Amino acid sequence: MSTLREAEVGSTVAVKKLNGEGALKRRLMDMGFTKGCKVFVRKVAPLGDPVEVTIRGYELSVRKDDADCIEIE
Protein backbone atom coordinates (compact mmCIF):
# COMPACT_ATOMS: atom_id res chain seq x y z
CA MET A 1 0.00 0.00 0.00
CA SER A 2 1.48 3.34 -0.99
CA THR A 3 0.10 6.67 0.09
CA LEU A 4 0.20 10.21 -1.24
CA ARG A 5 2.78 11.04 1.45
CA GLU A 6 5.20 8.55 -0.17
CA ALA A 7 4.68 9.76 -3.76
CA GLU A 8 7.67 11.17 -5.62
CA VAL A 9 7.81 14.88 -6.45
CA GLY A 10 6.89 15.41 -10.10
CA SER A 11 4.82 12.24 -10.39
CA THR A 12 1.16 11.92 -11.34
CA VAL A 13 -0.77 9.34 -9.37
CA ALA A 14 -4.37 8.16 -9.17
CA VAL A 15 -6.38 8.00 -5.96
CA LYS A 16 -7.18 4.39 -5.15
CA LYS A 17 -8.93 4.67 -1.78
CA LEU A 18 -9.48 7.07 1.10
CA ASN A 19 -8.70 5.74 4.56
CA GLY A 20 -10.15 7.60 7.47
CA GLU A 21 -13.52 8.10 9.01
CA GLY A 22 -16.20 10.72 9.42
CA ALA A 23 -15.14 14.33 9.13
CA LEU A 24 -11.65 13.56 7.80
CA LYS A 25 -12.91 11.45 4.92
CA ARG A 26 -15.64 13.99 4.09
CA ARG A 27 -13.11 16.85 4.11
CA LEU A 28 -10.75 14.98 1.76
CA MET A 29 -13.65 14.25 -0.59
CA ASP A 30 -14.72 17.90 -0.47
CA MET A 31 -11.17 18.90 -1.50
CA GLY A 32 -11.53 16.72 -4.60
CA PHE A 33 -9.86 13.46 -3.59
CA THR A 34 -12.16 10.82 -5.05
CA LYS A 35 -11.47 7.35 -6.41
CA GLY A 36 -9.70 7.46 -9.78
CA CYS A 37 -8.88 11.18 -9.62
CA LYS A 38 -5.42 12.14 -10.96
CA VAL A 39 -3.10 14.02 -8.59
CA PHE A 40 0.17 15.71 -9.59
CA VAL A 41 2.69 16.02 -6.74
CA ARG A 42 4.22 19.50 -7.18
CA LYS A 43 6.55 19.74 -4.18
CA VAL A 44 7.12 18.73 -0.60
CA ALA A 45 8.23 21.12 2.14
CA PRO A 46 11.76 20.57 3.52
CA LEU A 47 10.49 18.82 6.64
CA GLY A 48 7.88 16.86 4.69
CA ASP A 49 4.86 18.86 5.81
CA PRO A 50 2.84 19.96 3.83
CA VAL A 51 2.69 18.24 0.44
CA GLU A 52 1.66 20.53 -2.42
CA VAL A 53 -0.42 18.89 -5.14
CA THR A 54 -2.42 19.86 -8.21
CA ILE A 55 -5.84 18.22 -8.34
CA ARG A 56 -8.78 18.99 -10.64
CA GLY A 57 -7.03 22.10 -11.96
CA TYR A 58 -6.18 23.79 -8.67
CA GLU A 59 -3.25 23.76 -6.27
CA LEU A 60 -3.70 22.39 -2.80
CA SER A 61 -1.48 21.86 0.24
CA VAL A 62 -2.20 18.75 2.28
CA ARG A 63 -0.81 17.92 5.71
CA LYS A 64 1.32 14.78 5.81
CA ASP A 65 -1.06 13.12 8.28
CA ASP A 66 -3.91 13.66 5.83
CA ALA A 67 -1.75 12.53 2.89
CA ASP A 68 -1.19 9.26 4.77
CA CYS A 69 -4.95 8.60 4.52
CA ILE A 70 -4.92 8.71 0.70
CA GLU A 71 -3.95 5.44 -0.98
CA ILE A 72 -2.56 5.82 -4.51
CA GLU A 73 -1.68 3.62 -7.46
PDB file of N, CA and C in Angstrom:
ATOM      1  N   MET A   1       0.838  -1.180   0.000  1.00  0.00           N
ATOM      2  CA  MET A   1       0.000   0.000   0.000  1.00  0.00           C
ATOM      3  C   MET A   1       0.882   1.243   0.000  1.00  0.00           C
ATOM      4  N   SER A   2       0.743   2.082  -1.002  1.00  0.00           N
ATOM      5  CA  SER A   2       1.483   3.338  -0.992  1.00  0.00           C
ATOM      6  C   SER A   2       0.490   4.485  -0.821  1.00  0.00           C
ATOM      7  N   THR A   3       0.968   5.535  -0.203  1.00  0.00           N
ATOM      8  CA  THR A   3       0.097   6.670   0.092  1.00  0.00           C
ATOM      9  C   THR A   3       0.625   7.925  -0.604  1.00  0.00           C
ATOM     10  N   LEU A   4      -0.189   8.951  -0.610  1.00  0.00           N
ATOM     11  CA  LEU A   4       0.202  10.213  -1.235  1.00  0.00           C
ATOM     12  C   LEU A   4       1.440  10.794  -0.558  1.00  0.00           C
ATOM     13  N   ARG A   5       1.609  10.542   0.717  1.00  0.00           N
ATOM     14  CA  ARG A   5       2.782  11.038   1.452  1.00  0.00           C
ATOM     15  C   ARG A   5       4.075  10.457   0.881  1.00  0.00           C
ATOM     16  N   GLU A   6       4.022   9.230   0.349  1.00  0.00           N
ATOM     17  CA  GLU A   6       5.204   8.550  -0.171  1.00  0.00           C
ATOM     18  C   GLU A   6       5.451   8.818  -1.653  1.00  0.00           C
ATOM     19  N   ALA A   7       4.550   9.520  -2.321  1.00  0.00           N
ATOM     20  CA  ALA A   7       4.678   9.761  -3.760  1.00  0.00           C
ATOM     21  C   ALA A   7       5.878  10.654  -4.065  1.00  0.00           C
ATOM     22  N   GLU A   8       6.513  10.395  -5.194  1.00  0.00           N
ATOM     23  CA  GLU A   8       7.675  11.168  -5.625  1.00  0.00           C
ATOM     24  C   GLU A   8       7.244  12.533  -6.164  1.00  0.00           C
ATOM     25  N   VAL A   9       8.064  13.541  -5.917  1.00  0.00           N
ATOM     26  CA  VAL A   9       7.808  14.875  -6.451  1.00  0.00           C
ATOM     27  C   VAL A   9       7.888  14.803  -7.973  1.00  0.00           C
ATOM     28  N   GLY A  10       6.918  15.411  -8.645  1.00  0.00           N
ATOM     29  CA  GLY A  10       6.888  15.415 -10.101  1.00  0.00           C
ATOM     30  C   GLY A  10       6.101  14.264 -10.695  1.00  0.00           C
ATOM     31  N   SER A  11       5.572  13.391  -9.871  1.00  0.00           N
ATOM     32  CA  SER A  11       4.817  12.245 -10.391  1.00  0.00           C
ATOM     33  C   SER A  11       3.316  12.542 -10.392  1.00  0.00           C
ATOM     34  N   THR A  12       2.624  11.861 -11.288  1.00  0.00           N
ATOM     35  CA  THR A  12       1.164  11.922 -11.337  1.00  0.00           C
ATOM     36  C   THR A  12       0.639  10.567 -10.903  1.00  0.00           C
ATOM     37  N   VAL A  13      -0.239  10.577  -9.927  1.00  0.00           N
ATOM     38  CA  VAL A  13      -0.773   9.337  -9.371  1.00  0.00           C
ATOM     39  C   VAL A  13      -2.296   9.390  -9.395  1.00  0.00           C
ATOM     40  N   ALA A  14      -2.915   8.240  -9.225  1.00  0.00           N
ATOM     41  CA  ALA A  14      -4.368   8.159  -9.167  1.00  0.00           C
ATOM     42  C   ALA A  14      -4.781   7.752  -7.757  1.00  0.00           C
ATOM     43  N   VAL A  15      -5.860   8.341  -7.281  1.00  0.00           N
ATOM     44  CA  VAL A  15      -6.378   7.997  -5.959  1.00  0.00           C
ATOM     45  C   VAL A  15      -7.044   6.631  -6.054  1.00  0.00           C
ATOM     46  N   LYS A  16      -6.633   5.744  -5.174  1.00  0.00           N
ATOM     47  CA  LYS A  16      -7.181   4.388  -5.147  1.00  0.00           C
ATOM     48  C   LYS A  16      -8.268   4.258  -4.082  1.00  0.00           C
ATOM     49  N   LYS A  17      -8.001   4.823  -2.897  1.00  0.00           N
ATOM     50  CA  LYS A  17      -8.925   4.666  -1.776  1.00  0.00           C
ATOM     51  C   LYS A  17      -8.624   5.722  -0.726  1.00  0.00           C
ATOM     52  N   LEU A  18      -9.649   6.157  -0.021  1.00  0.00           N
ATOM     53  CA  LEU A  18      -9.476   7.071   1.102  1.00  0.00           C
ATOM     54  C   LEU A  18      -9.637   6.293   2.397  1.00  0.00           C
ATOM     55  N   ASN A  19      -8.619   6.335   3.232  1.00  0.00           N
ATOM     56  CA  ASN A  19      -8.703   5.742   4.565  1.00  0.00           C
ATOM     57  C   ASN A  19      -9.028   6.870   5.529  1.00  0.00           C
ATOM     58  N   GLY A  20      -9.747   6.570   6.524  1.00  0.00           N
ATOM     59  CA  GLY A  20     -10.152   7.603   7.469  1.00  0.00           C
ATOM     60  C   GLY A  20     -11.652   7.509   7.675  1.00  0.00           C
ATOM     61  N   GLU A  21     -12.111   8.197   8.665  1.00  0.00           N
ATOM     62  CA  GLU A  21     -13.522   8.102   9.008  1.00  0.00           C
ATOM     63  C   GLU A  21     -14.124   9.475   9.221  1.00  0.00           C
ATOM     64  N   GLY A  22     -15.419   9.543   9.077  1.00  0.00           N
ATOM     65  CA  GLY A  22     -16.196  10.719   9.424  1.00  0.00           C
ATOM     66  C   GLY A  22     -15.746  11.999   8.764  1.00  0.00           C
ATOM     67  N   ALA A  23     -15.444  12.988   9.607  1.00  0.00           N
ATOM     68  CA  ALA A  23     -15.139  14.331   9.129  1.00  0.00           C
ATOM     69  C   ALA A  23     -13.878  14.372   8.268  1.00  0.00           C
ATOM     70  N   LEU A  24     -12.879  13.566   8.593  1.00  0.00           N
ATOM     71  CA  LEU A  24     -11.646  13.560   7.805  1.00  0.00           C
ATOM     72  C   LEU A  24     -11.913  13.085   6.382  1.00  0.00           C
ATOM     73  N   LYS A  25     -12.605  11.981   6.245  1.00  0.00           N
ATOM     74  CA  LYS A  25     -12.913  11.445   4.920  1.00  0.00           C
ATOM     75  C   LYS A  25     -13.776  12.422   4.128  1.00  0.00           C
ATOM     76  N   ARG A  26     -14.756  13.026   4.757  1.00  0.00           N
ATOM     77  CA  ARG A  26     -15.641  13.986   4.094  1.00  0.00           C
ATOM     78  C   ARG A  26     -14.844  15.198   3.627  1.00  0.00           C
ATOM     79  N   ARG A  27     -13.919  15.678   4.468  1.00  0.00           N
ATOM     80  CA  ARG A  27     -13.111  16.847   4.112  1.00  0.00           C
ATOM     81  C   ARG A  27     -12.219  16.554   2.911  1.00  0.00           C
ATOM     82  N   LEU A  28     -11.592  15.355   2.897  1.00  0.00           N
ATOM     83  CA  LEU A  28     -10.752  14.981   1.758  1.00  0.00           C
ATOM     84  C   LEU A  28     -11.578  14.889   0.479  1.00  0.00           C
ATOM     85  N   MET A  29     -12.781  14.335   0.580  1.00  0.00           N
ATOM     86  CA  MET A  29     -13.649  14.249  -0.593  1.00  0.00           C
ATOM     87  C   MET A  29     -14.078  15.638  -1.061  1.00  0.00           C
ATOM     88  N   ASP A  30     -14.342  16.535  -0.132  1.00  0.00           N
ATOM     89  CA  ASP A  30     -14.719  17.903  -0.474  1.00  0.00           C
ATOM     90  C   ASP A  30     -13.578  18.641  -1.170  1.00  0.00           C
ATOM     91  N   MET A  31     -12.330  18.271  -0.845  1.00  0.00           N
ATOM     92  CA  MET A  31     -11.171  18.896  -1.496  1.00  0.00           C
ATOM     93  C   MET A  31     -10.948  18.341  -2.897  1.00  0.00           C
ATOM     94  N   GLY A  32     -11.646  17.260  -3.251  1.00  0.00           N
ATOM     95  CA  GLY A  32     -11.532  16.723  -4.601  1.00  0.00           C
ATOM     96  C   GLY A  32     -10.886  15.358  -4.685  1.00  0.00           C
ATOM     97  N   PHE A  33     -10.482  14.785  -3.580  1.00  0.00           N
ATOM     98  CA  PHE A  33      -9.860  13.462  -3.588  1.00  0.00           C
ATOM     99  C   PHE A  33     -10.944  12.393  -3.650  1.00  0.00           C
ATOM    100  N   THR A  34     -11.197  11.900  -4.854  1.00  0.00           N
ATOM    101  CA  THR A  34     -12.165  10.824  -5.045  1.00  0.00           C
ATOM    102  C   THR A  34     -11.488   9.702  -5.823  1.00  0.00           C
ATOM    103  N   LYS A  35     -12.053   8.522  -5.762  1.00  0.00           N
ATOM    104  CA  LYS A  35     -11.468   7.351  -6.412  1.00  0.00           C
ATOM    105  C   LYS A  35     -11.258   7.601  -7.903  1.00  0.00           C
ATOM    106  N   GLY A  36     -10.045   7.312  -8.369  1.00  0.00           N
ATOM    107  CA  GLY A  36      -9.702   7.461  -9.780  1.00  0.00           C
ATOM    108  C   GLY A  36      -9.210   8.842 -10.189  1.00  0.00           C
ATOM    109  N   CYS A  37      -9.293   9.812  -9.313  1.00  0.00           N
ATOM    110  CA  CYS A  37      -8.876  11.181  -9.625  1.00  0.00           C
ATOM    111  C   CYS A  37      -7.347  11.252  -9.749  1.00  0.00           C
ATOM    112  N   LYS A  38      -6.860  11.984 -10.744  1.00  0.00           N
ATOM    113  CA  LYS A  38      -5.421  12.145 -10.964  1.00  0.00           C
ATOM    114  C   LYS A  38      -4.892  13.285 -10.092  1.00  0.00           C
ATOM    115  N   VAL A  39      -3.736  13.035  -9.474  1.00  0.00           N
ATOM    116  CA  VAL A  39      -3.103  14.017  -8.586  1.00  0.00           C
ATOM    117  C   VAL A  39      -1.645  14.171  -9.013  1.00  0.00           C
ATOM    118  N   PHE A  40      -1.218  15.411  -9.256  1.00  0.00           N
ATOM    119  CA  PHE A  40       0.168  15.709  -9.591  1.00  0.00           C
ATOM    120  C   PHE A  40       0.857  16.245  -8.346  1.00  0.00           C
ATOM    121  N   VAL A  41       1.951  15.602  -7.937  1.00  0.00           N
ATOM    122  CA  VAL A  41       2.693  16.024  -6.739  1.00  0.00           C
ATOM    123  C   VAL A  41       3.678  17.106  -7.159  1.00  0.00           C
ATOM    124  N   ARG A  42       3.399  18.356  -6.770  1.00  0.00           N
ATOM    125  CA  ARG A  42       4.224  19.496  -7.177  1.00  0.00           C
ATOM    126  C   ARG A  42       5.500  19.606  -6.353  1.00  0.00           C
ATOM    127  N   LYS A  43       5.369  19.627  -5.038  1.00  0.00           N
ATOM    128  CA  LYS A  43       6.550  19.736  -4.184  1.00  0.00           C
ATOM    129  C   LYS A  43       6.207  19.329  -2.759  1.00  0.00           C
ATOM    130  N   VAL A  44       7.261  19.095  -2.000  1.00  0.00           N
ATOM    131  CA  VAL A  44       7.125  18.727  -0.596  1.00  0.00           C
ATOM    132  C   VAL A  44       8.000  19.691   0.197  1.00  0.00           C
ATOM    133  N   ALA A  45       7.477  20.192   1.291  1.00  0.00           N
ATOM    134  CA  ALA A  45       8.231  21.115   2.137  1.00  0.00           C
ATOM    135  C   ALA A  45       9.474  20.413   2.689  1.00  0.00           C
ATOM    136  N   PRO A  46      10.499  21.170   3.055  1.00  0.00           N
ATOM    137  CA  PRO A  46      11.756  20.570   3.518  1.00  0.00           C
ATOM    138  C   PRO A  46      11.607  19.555   4.648  1.00  0.00           C
ATOM    139  N   LEU A  47      10.689  19.766   5.555  1.00  0.00           N
ATOM    140  CA  LEU A  47      10.495  18.819   6.645  1.00  0.00           C
ATOM    141  C   LEU A  47       9.385  17.813   6.336  1.00  0.00           C
ATOM    142  N   GLY A  48       8.876  17.834   5.109  1.00  0.00           N
ATOM    143  CA  GLY A  48       7.878  16.865   4.690  1.00  0.00           C
ATOM    144  C   GLY A  48       6.440  17.272   4.941  1.00  0.00           C
ATOM    145  N   ASP A  49       6.214  18.426   5.503  1.00  0.00           N
ATOM    146  CA  ASP A  49       4.855  18.857   5.805  1.00  0.00           C
ATOM    147  C   ASP A  49       4.695  20.322   5.451  1.00  0.00           C
ATOM    148  N   PRO A  50       3.852  20.727   4.565  1.00  0.00           N
ATOM    149  CA  PRO A  50       2.843  19.956   3.833  1.00  0.00           C
ATOM    150  C   PRO A  50       3.339  19.467   2.476  1.00  0.00           C
ATOM    151  N   VAL A  51       2.460  18.724   1.807  1.00  0.00           N
ATOM    152  CA  VAL A  51       2.692  18.240   0.443  1.00  0.00           C
ATOM    153  C   VAL A  51       1.828  19.099  -0.472  1.00  0.00           C
ATOM    154  N   GLU A  52       2.429  19.704  -1.486  1.00  0.00           N
ATOM    155  CA  GLU A  52       1.660  20.533  -2.416  1.00  0.00           C
ATOM    156  C   GLU A  52       1.327  19.720  -3.661  1.00  0.00           C
ATOM    157  N   VAL A  53       0.040  19.673  -4.005  1.00  0.00           N
ATOM    158  CA  VAL A  53      -0.423  18.891  -5.143  1.00  0.00           C
ATOM    159  C   VAL A  53      -1.294  19.741  -6.048  1.00  0.00           C
ATOM    160  N   THR A  54      -1.457  19.272  -7.286  1.00  0.00           N
ATOM    161  CA  THR A  54      -2.425  19.857  -8.208  1.00  0.00           C
ATOM    162  C   THR A  54      -3.478  18.803  -8.456  1.00  0.00           C
ATOM    163  N   ILE A  55      -4.728  19.152  -8.189  1.00  0.00           N
ATOM    164  CA  ILE A  55      -5.836  18.221  -8.340  1.00  0.00           C
ATOM    165  C   ILE A  55      -7.028  18.970  -8.928  1.00  0.00           C
ATOM    166  N   ARG A  56      -7.604  18.408  -9.982  1.00  0.00           N
ATOM    167  CA  ARG A  56      -8.780  18.987 -10.638  1.00  0.00           C
ATOM    168  C   ARG A  56      -8.556  20.443 -11.055  1.00  0.00           C
ATOM    169  N   GLY A  57      -7.317  20.773 -11.443  1.00  0.00           N
ATOM    170  CA  GLY A  57      -7.026  22.103 -11.962  1.00  0.00           C
ATOM    171  C   GLY A  57      -6.690  23.158 -10.927  1.00  0.00           C
ATOM    172  N   TYR A  58      -6.592  22.792  -9.673  1.00  0.00           N
ATOM    173  CA  TYR A  58      -6.185  23.793  -8.675  1.00  0.00           C
ATOM    174  C   TYR A  58      -5.103  23.232  -7.772  1.00  0.00           C
ATOM    175  N   GLU A  59      -4.354  24.141  -7.141  1.00  0.00           N
ATOM    176  CA  GLU A  59      -3.246  23.757  -6.270  1.00  0.00           C
ATOM    177  C   GLU A  59      -3.740  23.669  -4.840  1.00  0.00           C
ATOM    178  N   LEU A  60      -3.231  22.675  -4.146  1.00  0.00           N
ATOM    179  CA  LEU A  60      -3.704  22.392  -2.803  1.00  0.00           C
ATOM    180  C   LEU A  60      -2.537  21.915  -1.949  1.00  0.00           C
ATOM    181  N   SER A  61      -2.479  22.352  -0.712  1.00  0.00           N
ATOM    182  CA  SER A  61      -1.483  21.857   0.238  1.00  0.00           C
ATOM    183  C   SER A  61      -2.186  20.937   1.225  1.00  0.00           C
ATOM    184  N   VAL A  62      -1.599  19.761   1.421  1.00  0.00           N
ATOM    185  CA  VAL A  62      -2.197  18.745   2.282  1.00  0.00           C
ATOM    186  C   VAL A  62      -1.202  18.389   3.382  1.00  0.00           C
ATOM    187  N   ARG A  63      -1.676  18.328   4.613  1.00  0.00           N
ATOM    188  CA  ARG A  63      -0.812  17.918   5.714  1.00  0.00           C
ATOM    189  C   ARG A  63      -0.372  16.473   5.516  1.00  0.00           C
ATOM    190  N   LYS A  64       0.815  16.136   6.022  1.00  0.00           N
ATOM    191  CA  LYS A  64       1.321  14.776   5.812  1.00  0.00           C
ATOM    192  C   LYS A  64       0.461  13.733   6.511  1.00  0.00           C
ATOM    193  N   ASP A  65      -0.155  14.067   7.614  1.00  0.00           N
ATOM    194  CA  ASP A  65      -1.065  13.122   8.278  1.00  0.00           C
ATOM    195  C   ASP A  65      -2.286  12.826   7.412  1.00  0.00           C
ATOM    196  N   ASP A  66      -2.784  13.862   6.740  1.00  0.00           N
ATOM    197  CA  ASP A  66      -3.910  13.663   5.825  1.00  0.00           C
ATOM    198  C   ASP A  66      -3.472  12.922   4.568  1.00  0.00           C
ATOM    199  N   ALA A  67      -2.265  13.215   4.085  1.00  0.00           N
ATOM    200  CA  ALA A  67      -1.747  12.534   2.892  1.00  0.00           C
ATOM    201  C   ALA A  67      -1.547  11.044   3.151  1.00  0.00           C
ATOM    202  N   ASP A  68      -1.313  10.673   4.402  1.00  0.00           N
ATOM    203  CA  ASP A  68      -1.195   9.261   4.768  1.00  0.00           C
ATOM    204  C   ASP A  68      -2.510   8.512   4.622  1.00  0.00           C
ATOM    205  N   CYS A  69      -3.610   9.223   4.620  1.00  0.00           N
ATOM    206  CA  CYS A  69      -4.947   8.596   4.521  1.00  0.00           C
ATOM    207  C   CYS A  69      -5.375   8.390   3.071  1.00  0.00           C
ATOM    208  N   ILE A  70      -4.556   8.824   2.110  1.00  0.00           N
ATOM    209  CA  ILE A  70      -4.922   8.706   0.703  1.00  0.00           C
ATOM    210  C   ILE A  70      -4.064   7.655   0.035  1.00  0.00           C
ATOM    211  N   GLU A  71      -4.666   6.515  -0.280  1.00  0.00           N
ATOM    212  CA  GLU A  71      -3.952   5.437  -0.985  1.00  0.00           C
ATOM    213  C   GLU A  71      -3.907   5.788  -2.462  1.00  0.00           C
ATOM    214  N   ILE A  72      -2.749   5.508  -3.089  1.00  0.00           N
ATOM    215  CA  ILE A  72      -2.561   5.824  -4.507  1.00  0.00           C
ATOM    216  C   ILE A  72      -2.118   4.590  -5.267  1.00  0.00           C
ATOM    217  N   GLU A  73      -2.208   4.677  -6.602  1.00  0.00           N
ATOM    218  CA  GLU A  73      -1.683   3.625  -7.464  1.00  0.00           C
ATOM    219  C   GLU A  73      -0.954   4.234  -8.629  1.00  0.00           C
TER     220      GLU A  73
END
